[in-house]
């Protein structure tokens, strides 16, 4: 496995490329991606914003703005737990896409926001069960889910299924998301 982080030396933020590579290497093993997987992590340190995406699946390239990895209590410094949260979510999505049993989700840019939020809840719930616990994962994700799916018992039940499941398919995720949206009070 080769994990390449660019830039290899940061000047705008106090990040260490080898620490980021270490986090990704650990996550690749934890989420069940192949041990021989080569990954490139491209970080734009010129922006404090927090966008994170899979830029390419073959070869695997993750692109992040530096704010996605930043410690909110210590600006311009890396948050190891926050980084594991962001990078782990992306790597779980990659792992899902590589599994034929998961189904065939559309390209990331074509996924409706509600379905994307539901998939994120599913990914982060699994990441938490793998031992990666960010300080407010569940409540933050539940609130985000409710904002897209409504504040209802049906939405909360859908979130709980997403958060606690390990073997959902893309069809399961979209069904739970759609049912929650349909149950919104008028």
N, C-alpha and C. Protein backbone atom coordinates (compact mmCIF):
# COMPACT_ATOMS: atom_id res chain seq x y z
N UNK A 1 0.85 -1.17 0.00
CA UNK A 1 0.00 0.00 0.00
C UNK A 1 0.89 1.23 0.00
N UNK A 2 0.52 2.16 -0.83
CA UNK A 2 1.22 3.44 -0.87
C UNK A 2 0.21 4.55 -0.63
N UNK A 3 0.49 5.37 0.36
CA UNK A 3 -0.34 6.54 0.63
C UNK A 3 0.54 7.76 0.40
N UNK A 4 0.14 8.57 -0.55
CA UNK A 4 0.88 9.78 -0.90
C UNK A 4 0.05 10.99 -0.50
N UNK A 5 0.65 11.89 0.24
CA UNK A 5 -0.02 13.10 0.67
C UNK A 5 0.67 14.29 -0.01
N UNK A 6 -0.13 15.13 -0.66
CA UNK A 6 0.43 16.35 -1.23
C UNK A 6 -0.31 17.55 -0.67
N UNK A 7 0.42 18.59 -0.31
CA UNK A 7 1.87 18.70 -0.41
C UNK A 7 2.56 17.85 0.64
N UNK A 8 3.81 17.53 0.41
CA UNK A 8 4.55 16.75 1.40
C UNK A 8 5.06 17.62 2.55
N UNK A 9 5.12 18.91 2.33
CA UNK A 9 5.45 19.87 3.38
C UNK A 9 4.43 21.00 3.31
N UNK A 10 3.81 21.27 4.44
CA UNK A 10 2.78 22.31 4.51
C UNK A 10 3.40 23.62 4.97
N UNK A 11 2.91 24.73 4.43
CA UNK A 11 3.41 26.04 4.81
C UNK A 11 2.33 26.93 5.41
N UNK A 12 1.07 26.72 5.05
CA UNK A 12 -0.03 27.55 5.54
C UNK A 12 -0.68 26.98 6.80
N UNK A 13 -0.62 25.67 6.96
CA UNK A 13 -1.17 25.00 8.13
C UNK A 13 -0.07 24.15 8.75
N UNK A 14 -0.22 23.83 10.02
CA UNK A 14 0.79 23.03 10.71
C UNK A 14 0.42 21.54 10.67
N UNK A 15 0.34 21.01 9.47
CA UNK A 15 0.01 19.59 9.29
C UNK A 15 1.28 18.84 8.96
N UNK A 16 1.26 17.56 9.28
CA UNK A 16 2.39 16.69 8.98
C UNK A 16 1.89 15.63 8.00
N UNK A 17 2.45 15.61 6.81
CA UNK A 17 2.01 14.67 5.78
C UNK A 17 2.13 13.23 6.24
N UNK A 18 3.16 12.91 7.01
CA UNK A 18 3.33 11.52 7.47
C UNK A 18 2.24 11.14 8.47
N UNK A 19 1.77 12.10 9.28
CA UNK A 19 0.68 11.80 10.22
C UNK A 19 -0.62 11.55 9.46
N UNK A 20 -0.88 12.34 8.44
CA UNK A 20 -2.08 12.13 7.62
C UNK A 20 -2.00 10.78 6.92
N UNK A 21 -0.84 10.44 6.38
CA UNK A 21 -0.65 9.13 5.73
C UNK A 21 -0.87 8.00 6.72
N UNK A 22 -0.43 8.19 7.94
CA UNK A 22 -0.62 7.17 8.99
C UNK A 22 -2.10 6.96 9.30
N UNK A 23 -2.85 8.05 9.38
CA UNK A 23 -4.29 7.96 9.63
C UNK A 23 -4.97 7.19 8.50
N UNK A 24 -4.63 7.53 7.26
CA UNK A 24 -5.24 6.87 6.10
C UNK A 24 -4.86 5.39 6.06
N UNK A 25 -3.61 5.07 6.32
CA UNK A 25 -3.17 3.67 6.33
C UNK A 25 -3.95 2.86 7.35
N UNK A 26 -4.11 3.42 8.54
CA UNK A 26 -4.88 2.76 9.59
C UNK A 26 -6.34 2.56 9.17
N UNK A 27 -6.92 3.59 8.57
CA UNK A 27 -8.32 3.52 8.15
C UNK A 27 -8.53 2.51 7.02
N UNK A 28 -7.60 2.43 6.09
CA UNK A 28 -7.73 1.47 4.98
C UNK A 28 -7.87 0.06 5.53
N UNK A 29 -7.06 -0.27 6.51
CA UNK A 29 -7.14 -1.59 7.13
C UNK A 29 -8.45 -1.74 7.90
N UNK A 30 -8.81 -0.72 8.68
CA UNK A 30 -10.01 -0.80 9.53
C UNK A 30 -11.29 -0.96 8.72
N UNK A 31 -11.41 -0.26 7.59
CA UNK A 31 -12.66 -0.32 6.82
C UNK A 31 -12.70 -1.50 5.86
N UNK A 32 -11.59 -2.21 5.71
CA UNK A 32 -11.59 -3.42 4.90
C UNK A 32 -11.22 -3.23 3.44
N UNK A 33 -10.56 -2.13 3.12
CA UNK A 33 -10.08 -1.95 1.75
C UNK A 33 -8.84 -2.81 1.54
N UNK A 34 -8.52 -3.15 0.30
CA UNK A 34 -7.38 -4.03 0.03
C UNK A 34 -6.06 -3.44 0.53
N UNK A 35 -5.21 -4.29 1.05
CA UNK A 35 -3.93 -3.87 1.61
C UNK A 35 -2.99 -3.31 0.55
N UNK A 36 -3.21 -3.65 -0.71
CA UNK A 36 -2.32 -3.17 -1.77
C UNK A 36 -2.85 -1.91 -2.46
N UNK A 37 -3.84 -1.28 -1.87
CA UNK A 37 -4.46 -0.09 -2.45
C UNK A 37 -3.50 1.11 -2.38
N UNK A 38 -3.36 1.80 -3.49
CA UNK A 38 -2.58 3.03 -3.53
C UNK A 38 -3.54 4.21 -3.46
N UNK A 39 -3.23 5.16 -2.59
CA UNK A 39 -4.11 6.30 -2.35
C UNK A 39 -3.30 7.59 -2.42
N UNK A 40 -3.86 8.56 -3.08
CA UNK A 40 -3.28 9.90 -3.08
C UNK A 40 -4.25 10.83 -2.36
N UNK A 41 -3.71 11.58 -1.41
CA UNK A 41 -4.50 12.56 -0.67
C UNK A 41 -3.98 13.93 -1.09
N UNK A 42 -4.84 14.71 -1.74
CA UNK A 42 -4.47 16.06 -2.17
C UNK A 42 -5.15 17.06 -1.25
N UNK A 43 -4.35 17.88 -0.58
CA UNK A 43 -4.89 18.84 0.37
C UNK A 43 -4.59 20.25 -0.11
N UNK A 44 -5.65 21.04 -0.21
CA UNK A 44 -5.51 22.45 -0.57
C UNK A 44 -5.38 23.23 0.73
N UNK A 45 -4.16 23.59 1.06
CA UNK A 45 -3.93 24.29 2.32
C UNK A 45 -4.19 25.79 2.21
N UNK A 46 -4.55 26.25 1.04
CA UNK A 46 -4.79 27.68 0.84
C UNK A 46 -6.19 28.12 1.23
N UNK A 47 -7.03 27.21 1.63
CA UNK A 47 -8.39 27.57 2.03
C UNK A 47 -8.71 26.92 3.38
N UNK A 48 -9.37 27.66 4.25
CA UNK A 48 -9.77 27.08 5.54
C UNK A 48 -11.11 26.34 5.45
N UNK A 49 -11.66 26.23 4.25
CA UNK A 49 -12.95 25.57 4.09
C UNK A 49 -12.78 24.06 4.27
N UNK A 50 -13.89 23.33 4.29
CA UNK A 50 -13.83 21.93 4.68
C UNK A 50 -14.36 20.93 3.69
N UNK A 51 -14.35 21.23 2.42
CA UNK A 51 -14.84 20.29 1.42
C UNK A 51 -13.91 19.07 1.36
N UNK A 52 -14.51 17.90 1.21
CA UNK A 52 -13.75 16.65 1.08
C UNK A 52 -14.48 15.76 0.09
N UNK A 53 -13.75 15.20 -0.87
CA UNK A 53 -14.41 14.39 -1.89
C UNK A 53 -13.46 13.33 -2.43
N UNK A 54 -14.07 12.32 -3.04
CA UNK A 54 -13.31 11.33 -3.79
C UNK A 54 -13.20 11.89 -5.20
N UNK A 55 -12.00 12.23 -5.59
CA UNK A 55 -11.78 12.83 -6.91
C UNK A 55 -11.72 11.77 -8.00
N UNK A 56 -11.15 10.61 -7.67
CA UNK A 56 -11.01 9.52 -8.63
C UNK A 56 -11.02 8.20 -7.87
N UNK A 57 -11.62 7.20 -8.49
CA UNK A 57 -11.66 5.88 -7.87
C UNK A 57 -10.56 4.96 -8.40
N UNK A 58 -10.07 5.23 -9.58
CA UNK A 58 -9.00 4.41 -10.15
C UNK A 58 -8.10 5.28 -11.00
N UNK A 59 -7.01 5.76 -10.46
CA UNK A 59 -6.47 5.51 -9.11
C UNK A 59 -7.28 6.27 -8.05
N UNK A 60 -7.18 5.82 -6.81
CA UNK A 60 -7.93 6.44 -5.73
C UNK A 60 -7.27 7.75 -5.32
N UNK A 61 -8.02 8.83 -5.50
CA UNK A 61 -7.53 10.17 -5.14
C UNK A 61 -8.61 10.84 -4.29
N UNK A 62 -8.21 11.26 -3.09
CA UNK A 62 -9.09 12.02 -2.21
C UNK A 62 -8.61 13.47 -2.21
N UNK A 63 -9.54 14.39 -2.39
CA UNK A 63 -9.19 15.81 -2.42
C UNK A 63 -9.89 16.50 -1.25
N UNK A 64 -9.12 17.25 -0.47
CA UNK A 64 -9.66 17.92 0.71
C UNK A 64 -9.17 19.35 0.79
N UNK A 65 -10.03 20.21 1.31
CA UNK A 65 -9.60 21.53 1.71
C UNK A 65 -9.07 21.41 3.14
N UNK A 66 -8.09 22.21 3.49
CA UNK A 66 -7.41 22.01 4.78
C UNK A 66 -8.34 22.10 5.98
N UNK A 67 -9.42 22.87 5.87
CA UNK A 67 -10.35 22.97 6.98
C UNK A 67 -11.04 21.66 7.33
N UNK A 68 -11.08 20.72 6.40
CA UNK A 68 -11.71 19.42 6.66
C UNK A 68 -10.94 18.63 7.71
N UNK A 69 -9.66 18.94 7.88
CA UNK A 69 -8.81 18.20 8.81
C UNK A 69 -8.41 19.03 10.03
N UNK A 70 -8.91 20.23 10.10
CA UNK A 70 -8.46 21.18 11.12
C UNK A 70 -9.11 20.94 12.48
N UNK A 71 -8.33 21.19 13.51
CA UNK A 71 -8.82 21.14 14.87
C UNK A 71 -9.59 22.44 15.14
N UNK A 72 -10.90 22.39 15.38
CA UNK A 72 -11.67 23.62 15.56
C UNK A 72 -11.27 24.42 16.79
N UNK A 73 -10.59 23.77 17.74
CA UNK A 73 -10.16 24.46 18.95
C UNK A 73 -8.73 24.99 18.84
N UNK A 74 -8.06 24.60 17.77
CA UNK A 74 -6.69 25.06 17.55
C UNK A 74 -6.49 25.27 16.04
N UNK A 75 -6.95 26.42 15.54
CA UNK A 75 -6.89 26.67 14.10
C UNK A 75 -5.49 26.43 13.51
N UNK A 76 -5.52 25.92 12.26
CA UNK A 76 -4.34 25.62 11.46
C UNK A 76 -3.56 24.40 11.96
N UNK A 77 -4.11 23.68 12.94
CA UNK A 77 -3.50 22.45 13.43
C UNK A 77 -4.42 21.27 13.10
N UNK A 78 -3.82 20.14 12.86
CA UNK A 78 -4.55 18.93 12.49
C UNK A 78 -5.33 18.36 13.67
N UNK A 79 -6.53 17.92 13.40
CA UNK A 79 -7.32 17.16 14.37
C UNK A 79 -7.26 15.70 13.93
N UNK A 80 -6.62 14.87 14.72
CA UNK A 80 -6.51 13.46 14.37
C UNK A 80 -7.88 12.79 14.34
N UNK A 81 -8.72 13.07 15.33
CA UNK A 81 -10.05 12.44 15.35
C UNK A 81 -10.94 13.00 14.25
N UNK A 82 -10.89 14.31 14.04
CA UNK A 82 -11.68 14.90 12.96
C UNK A 82 -11.23 14.41 11.59
N UNK A 83 -9.93 14.23 11.43
CA UNK A 83 -9.39 13.70 10.17
C UNK A 83 -9.86 12.28 9.94
N UNK A 84 -9.85 11.47 10.98
CA UNK A 84 -10.32 10.09 10.86
C UNK A 84 -11.80 10.06 10.49
N UNK A 85 -12.57 11.00 11.02
CA UNK A 85 -14.00 11.11 10.71
C UNK A 85 -14.21 11.40 9.22
N UNK A 86 -13.53 12.40 8.72
CA UNK A 86 -13.69 12.81 7.32
C UNK A 86 -13.12 11.77 6.37
N UNK A 87 -11.89 11.35 6.61
CA UNK A 87 -11.24 10.39 5.71
C UNK A 87 -11.90 9.02 5.80
N UNK A 88 -12.31 8.63 6.99
CA UNK A 88 -12.99 7.34 7.15
C UNK A 88 -14.31 7.28 6.41
N UNK A 89 -15.07 8.38 6.44
CA UNK A 89 -16.34 8.44 5.70
C UNK A 89 -16.09 8.26 4.21
N UNK A 90 -15.08 8.95 3.69
CA UNK A 90 -14.76 8.81 2.27
C UNK A 90 -14.32 7.39 1.92
N UNK A 91 -13.48 6.81 2.77
CA UNK A 91 -12.97 5.47 2.48
C UNK A 91 -14.07 4.41 2.61
N UNK A 92 -15.02 4.61 3.51
CA UNK A 92 -16.15 3.68 3.59
C UNK A 92 -17.02 3.79 2.34
N UNK A 93 -17.20 4.98 1.81
CA UNK A 93 -17.94 5.13 0.56
C UNK A 93 -17.21 4.41 -0.58
N UNK A 94 -15.89 4.54 -0.61
CA UNK A 94 -15.10 3.83 -1.62
C UNK A 94 -15.30 2.33 -1.47
N UNK A 95 -15.23 1.84 -0.24
CA UNK A 95 -15.41 0.41 0.02
C UNK A 95 -16.80 -0.05 -0.41
N UNK A 96 -17.82 0.75 -0.11
CA UNK A 96 -19.18 0.41 -0.54
C UNK A 96 -19.25 0.30 -2.06
N UNK A 97 -18.69 1.26 -2.75
CA UNK A 97 -18.73 1.25 -4.22
C UNK A 97 -17.99 0.05 -4.82
N UNK A 98 -16.99 -0.44 -4.13
CA UNK A 98 -16.22 -1.58 -4.63
C UNK A 98 -16.94 -2.91 -4.39
N UNK A 99 -17.96 -2.92 -3.58
CA UNK A 99 -18.70 -4.13 -3.23
C UNK A 99 -19.90 -4.29 -4.17
N UNK A 100 -19.89 -5.30 -5.05
CA UNK A 100 -21.02 -5.48 -5.97
C UNK A 100 -22.36 -5.67 -5.26
N UNK A 101 -22.34 -6.26 -4.06
CA UNK A 101 -23.58 -6.48 -3.31
C UNK A 101 -24.20 -5.17 -2.83
N UNK A 102 -23.41 -4.11 -2.73
CA UNK A 102 -23.92 -2.82 -2.27
C UNK A 102 -24.85 -2.19 -3.30
N UNK A 103 -24.59 -2.42 -4.55
CA UNK A 103 -25.40 -1.80 -5.60
C UNK A 103 -24.57 -0.78 -6.36
N UNK A 104 -25.25 0.02 -7.13
CA UNK A 104 -24.56 0.95 -8.02
C UNK A 104 -25.08 2.37 -7.82
N UNK A 105 -24.56 3.06 -6.80
CA UNK A 105 -25.01 4.44 -6.61
C UNK A 105 -24.55 5.32 -7.76
N UNK A 106 -25.26 6.40 -8.02
CA UNK A 106 -24.82 7.33 -9.07
C UNK A 106 -23.50 8.00 -8.69
N UNK A 107 -22.91 8.69 -9.64
CA UNK A 107 -21.71 9.48 -9.35
C UNK A 107 -22.03 10.44 -8.20
N UNK A 108 -21.01 10.75 -7.40
CA UNK A 108 -21.23 11.60 -6.23
C UNK A 108 -21.97 12.89 -6.56
N UNK A 109 -21.64 13.53 -7.66
CA UNK A 109 -22.28 14.78 -8.03
C UNK A 109 -23.74 14.64 -8.44
N UNK A 110 -24.16 13.41 -8.70
CA UNK A 110 -25.54 13.15 -9.13
C UNK A 110 -26.43 12.60 -8.02
N UNK A 111 -25.87 12.42 -6.84
CA UNK A 111 -26.65 11.88 -5.72
C UNK A 111 -27.44 13.02 -5.08
N UNK A 112 -28.76 12.85 -4.95
CA UNK A 112 -29.54 13.88 -4.26
C UNK A 112 -29.01 14.09 -2.85
N UNK A 113 -29.05 15.32 -2.37
CA UNK A 113 -28.46 15.66 -1.07
C UNK A 113 -29.03 14.80 0.06
N UNK A 114 -30.31 14.51 0.05
CA UNK A 114 -30.89 13.68 1.12
C UNK A 114 -30.29 12.28 1.11
N UNK A 115 -30.09 11.71 -0.05
CA UNK A 115 -29.48 10.37 -0.13
C UNK A 115 -28.02 10.43 0.30
N UNK A 116 -27.33 11.49 -0.03
CA UNK A 116 -25.94 11.65 0.39
C UNK A 116 -25.83 11.76 1.91
N UNK A 117 -26.73 12.51 2.51
CA UNK A 117 -26.74 12.66 3.97
C UNK A 117 -27.05 11.30 4.63
N UNK A 118 -27.97 10.55 4.05
CA UNK A 118 -28.29 9.22 4.58
C UNK A 118 -27.08 8.29 4.48
N UNK A 119 -26.38 8.33 3.35
CA UNK A 119 -25.19 7.49 3.17
C UNK A 119 -24.10 7.89 4.16
N UNK A 120 -23.96 9.20 4.40
CA UNK A 120 -22.99 9.66 5.39
C UNK A 120 -23.32 9.11 6.78
N UNK A 121 -24.60 9.13 7.16
CA UNK A 121 -25.00 8.60 8.47
C UNK A 121 -24.63 7.12 8.57
N UNK A 122 -24.88 6.38 7.50
CA UNK A 122 -24.53 4.96 7.46
C UNK A 122 -23.02 4.77 7.61
N UNK A 123 -22.24 5.57 6.91
CA UNK A 123 -20.78 5.45 6.97
C UNK A 123 -20.25 5.82 8.36
N UNK A 124 -20.69 6.93 8.90
CA UNK A 124 -20.16 7.37 10.19
C UNK A 124 -20.59 6.44 11.31
N UNK A 125 -21.80 5.90 11.24
CA UNK A 125 -22.22 4.91 12.25
C UNK A 125 -21.29 3.70 12.27
N UNK A 126 -20.90 3.22 11.09
CA UNK A 126 -19.96 2.09 11.02
C UNK A 126 -18.59 2.50 11.53
N UNK A 127 -18.19 3.71 11.21
CA UNK A 127 -16.88 4.19 11.66
C UNK A 127 -16.82 4.26 13.19
N UNK A 128 -17.90 4.71 13.80
CA UNK A 128 -17.98 4.77 15.26
C UNK A 128 -17.83 3.36 15.84
N UNK A 129 -18.50 2.38 15.23
CA UNK A 129 -18.41 1.01 15.73
C UNK A 129 -17.02 0.41 15.53
N UNK A 130 -16.25 0.98 14.61
CA UNK A 130 -14.87 0.55 14.43
C UNK A 130 -13.94 1.18 15.46
N UNK A 131 -14.48 2.05 16.30
CA UNK A 131 -13.69 2.66 17.36
C UNK A 131 -13.29 4.10 17.11
N UNK A 132 -13.74 4.68 16.02
CA UNK A 132 -13.43 6.08 15.71
C UNK A 132 -14.58 6.94 16.21
N UNK A 133 -14.39 7.51 17.37
CA UNK A 133 -15.46 8.30 17.99
C UNK A 133 -15.07 9.76 18.03
N UNK A 134 -15.71 10.55 17.21
CA UNK A 134 -15.53 11.99 17.23
C UNK A 134 -16.45 12.53 18.31
N UNK A 135 -16.18 13.67 18.85
CA UNK A 135 -16.86 14.16 20.04
C UNK A 135 -18.38 14.28 19.92
N UNK A 136 -18.91 14.54 18.74
CA UNK A 136 -20.36 14.76 18.64
C UNK A 136 -20.97 14.06 17.44
N UNK A 137 -20.39 12.97 17.03
CA UNK A 137 -20.82 12.32 15.79
C UNK A 137 -22.31 12.08 15.70
N UNK A 138 -22.88 11.38 16.66
CA UNK A 138 -24.27 10.95 16.52
C UNK A 138 -25.23 12.14 16.50
N UNK A 139 -25.11 13.01 17.46
CA UNK A 139 -26.06 14.13 17.53
C UNK A 139 -25.92 15.07 16.34
N UNK A 140 -24.69 15.33 15.92
CA UNK A 140 -24.47 16.21 14.77
C UNK A 140 -25.05 15.58 13.51
N UNK A 141 -24.81 14.28 13.34
CA UNK A 141 -25.33 13.59 12.15
C UNK A 141 -26.85 13.47 12.19
N UNK A 142 -27.41 13.23 13.37
CA UNK A 142 -28.87 13.15 13.50
C UNK A 142 -29.51 14.50 13.14
N UNK A 143 -28.94 15.58 13.63
CA UNK A 143 -29.49 16.90 13.32
C UNK A 143 -29.40 17.18 11.81
N UNK A 144 -28.27 16.85 11.24
CA UNK A 144 -28.10 17.04 9.79
C UNK A 144 -29.13 16.20 9.02
N UNK A 145 -29.33 14.95 9.46
CA UNK A 145 -30.31 14.06 8.82
C UNK A 145 -31.72 14.65 8.94
N UNK A 146 -32.06 15.12 10.13
CA UNK A 146 -33.39 15.71 10.33
C UNK A 146 -33.61 16.94 9.45
N UNK A 147 -32.58 17.73 9.26
CA UNK A 147 -32.73 18.92 8.42
C UNK A 147 -33.07 18.56 6.98
N UNK A 148 -32.65 17.42 6.52
CA UNK A 148 -32.93 16.99 5.15
C UNK A 148 -34.12 16.06 5.04
N UNK A 149 -34.50 15.41 6.15
CA UNK A 149 -35.54 14.39 6.10
C UNK A 149 -36.76 14.69 6.98
N UNK A 150 -36.71 15.79 7.70
CA UNK A 150 -37.83 16.17 8.56
C UNK A 150 -37.61 15.74 10.00
N UNK A 151 -38.28 16.43 10.88
CA UNK A 151 -38.22 16.14 12.30
C UNK A 151 -39.44 15.29 12.64
N UNK A 152 -39.31 13.99 12.44
CA UNK A 152 -40.43 13.08 12.68
C UNK A 152 -39.91 11.77 13.26
N UNK A 153 -40.84 10.99 13.81
CA UNK A 153 -40.46 9.68 14.32
C UNK A 153 -39.96 8.78 13.19
N UNK A 154 -40.54 8.90 12.02
CA UNK A 154 -40.11 8.09 10.87
C UNK A 154 -38.68 8.44 10.50
N UNK A 155 -38.36 9.73 10.49
CA UNK A 155 -36.98 10.14 10.17
C UNK A 155 -36.01 9.63 11.23
N UNK A 156 -36.40 9.73 12.50
CA UNK A 156 -35.53 9.24 13.57
C UNK A 156 -35.32 7.74 13.49
N UNK A 157 -36.38 7.00 13.15
CA UNK A 157 -36.26 5.54 12.98
C UNK A 157 -35.34 5.20 11.81
N UNK A 158 -35.49 5.95 10.71
CA UNK A 158 -34.63 5.72 9.54
C UNK A 158 -33.18 5.99 9.90
N UNK A 159 -32.95 7.09 10.60
CA UNK A 159 -31.58 7.41 11.02
C UNK A 159 -31.01 6.30 11.89
N UNK A 160 -31.79 5.82 12.85
CA UNK A 160 -31.31 4.75 13.74
C UNK A 160 -30.92 3.50 12.95
N UNK A 161 -31.71 3.15 11.94
CA UNK A 161 -31.37 1.99 11.11
C UNK A 161 -30.08 2.22 10.34
N UNK A 162 -29.94 3.42 9.79
CA UNK A 162 -28.70 3.75 9.07
C UNK A 162 -27.51 3.72 10.02
N UNK A 163 -27.66 4.32 11.20
CA UNK A 163 -26.57 4.47 12.15
C UNK A 163 -26.11 3.14 12.74
N UNK A 164 -27.03 2.19 12.88
CA UNK A 164 -26.69 0.94 13.59
C UNK A 164 -26.48 -0.26 12.67
N UNK A 165 -26.64 -0.08 11.38
CA UNK A 165 -26.53 -1.21 10.45
C UNK A 165 -25.12 -1.35 9.89
N UNK A 166 -24.81 -2.58 9.49
CA UNK A 166 -23.50 -2.87 8.90
C UNK A 166 -23.58 -3.43 7.49
N UNK A 167 -24.75 -3.78 7.03
CA UNK A 167 -24.83 -4.48 5.74
C UNK A 167 -25.95 -3.96 4.84
N UNK A 168 -26.12 -2.66 4.81
CA UNK A 168 -27.14 -2.08 3.95
C UNK A 168 -26.65 -2.00 2.51
N UNK A 169 -27.60 -1.94 1.61
CA UNK A 169 -27.29 -1.73 0.20
C UNK A 169 -27.66 -0.29 -0.16
N UNK A 170 -27.27 0.12 -1.36
CA UNK A 170 -27.66 1.44 -1.84
C UNK A 170 -29.18 1.55 -1.89
N UNK A 171 -29.85 0.49 -2.30
CA UNK A 171 -31.32 0.50 -2.35
C UNK A 171 -31.91 0.68 -0.95
N UNK A 172 -31.31 0.06 0.06
CA UNK A 172 -31.79 0.22 1.44
C UNK A 172 -31.64 1.67 1.90
N UNK A 173 -30.49 2.26 1.60
CA UNK A 173 -30.22 3.63 2.02
C UNK A 173 -31.21 4.60 1.38
N UNK A 174 -31.41 4.46 0.08
CA UNK A 174 -32.33 5.38 -0.60
C UNK A 174 -33.78 5.15 -0.16
N UNK A 175 -34.15 3.90 0.09
CA UNK A 175 -35.51 3.62 0.56
C UNK A 175 -35.75 4.27 1.92
N UNK A 176 -34.80 4.11 2.86
CA UNK A 176 -34.95 4.72 4.18
C UNK A 176 -35.03 6.24 4.07
N UNK A 177 -34.20 6.81 3.23
CA UNK A 177 -34.20 8.26 3.02
C UNK A 177 -35.54 8.71 2.44
N UNK A 178 -35.99 8.05 1.41
CA UNK A 178 -37.24 8.44 0.74
C UNK A 178 -38.44 8.28 1.67
N UNK A 179 -38.48 7.21 2.45
CA UNK A 179 -39.59 7.01 3.39
C UNK A 179 -39.62 8.12 4.43
N UNK A 180 -38.46 8.53 4.90
CA UNK A 180 -38.41 9.61 5.89
C UNK A 180 -38.91 10.92 5.28
N UNK A 181 -38.53 11.19 4.07
CA UNK A 181 -38.97 12.43 3.40
C UNK A 181 -40.49 12.39 3.18
N UNK A 182 -41.01 11.25 2.76
CA UNK A 182 -42.45 11.13 2.52
C UNK A 182 -43.27 11.28 3.79
N UNK A 183 -42.68 10.97 4.94
CA UNK A 183 -43.42 11.03 6.20
C UNK A 183 -43.38 12.42 6.85
N UNK A 184 -42.74 13.39 6.20
CA UNK A 184 -42.67 14.73 6.78
C UNK A 184 -44.08 15.30 6.94
N UNK A 185 -44.30 15.95 8.06
CA UNK A 185 -45.61 16.58 8.25
C UNK A 185 -45.82 17.68 7.21
N UNK A 186 -47.04 17.83 6.79
CA UNK A 186 -47.36 18.83 5.75
C UNK A 186 -47.34 20.23 6.30
